[in-house]
Amino acid sequence: MEQETLYTSSKWSILKALELGSKSPLDLAREANTSLANVSQQLRLLELAGIVKSERIPNRDKGQPRIVYSLAGNNSYILVTAPEFVEKKNLILQTYQMEIMKIWFCDDVSLQYYFEKFYWENEEKFSKLKILAFDYTDSQNIKVLVNEDLEDTLSDKKSKKEYKVSGPQGEKRFIITIVKSLSNENKKLLKLRNEEV
């Protein structure tokens, strides 16, 4: 099956719904305002392609679903059309690739270079973090939201909490800020990692 056919609107709405966690076919049909038969057919195709996975629920309560579906992993289908390079490929992304993809999807294209440069300069130091995000409400002073104090690992100077990154549009400041959780209220929040702490 051609990969493009896996991302039609009906299948895409299922994938977007599963982004938030496991769901039964009945829940997905309700959310998509379509028939259970249609959702079940789409789920079978997505499961055959390895994009979603099913899990049978043992000891289910009366009226509860027997099977729930979830995303199978970090799948990516990349289509590139550029002079001298036209290619398409399905990839299973490693953690760092997933985080870079999130940077590439940031709405503020002018900041992508800075996020990526800061990320690569500190990649090893971020490996154990459960929370890693950029708050770019102020595009000159970007907050790096983390779940633990990184003074000892991000810098030779113990007190350093601020980093300057040079790029095509001058210099941007990245300010380390420790948080216990990430709020969805801020629309200029780029979440690279948001695991339970």
Foldseek 3Di string as FASTA:
>chain_A
DDPVVLCPPLNVQLQVVQVVHKDDLVVSCVVVVHDSVVSVVSVVVCVVVQQKDKDADPPDDPPDDRIIMHGRAQWDWDFDDDVPDTDIDIDHDDLVRLLLVLLCPQPPNVCSVVVVVVCVLCVVLCVPWQWWKWQCPPVQEIETETADDSQVPPDPDSPDQWDWDQDPVGIHIYGYDHDQADDPPRPRMRTSHGHHD
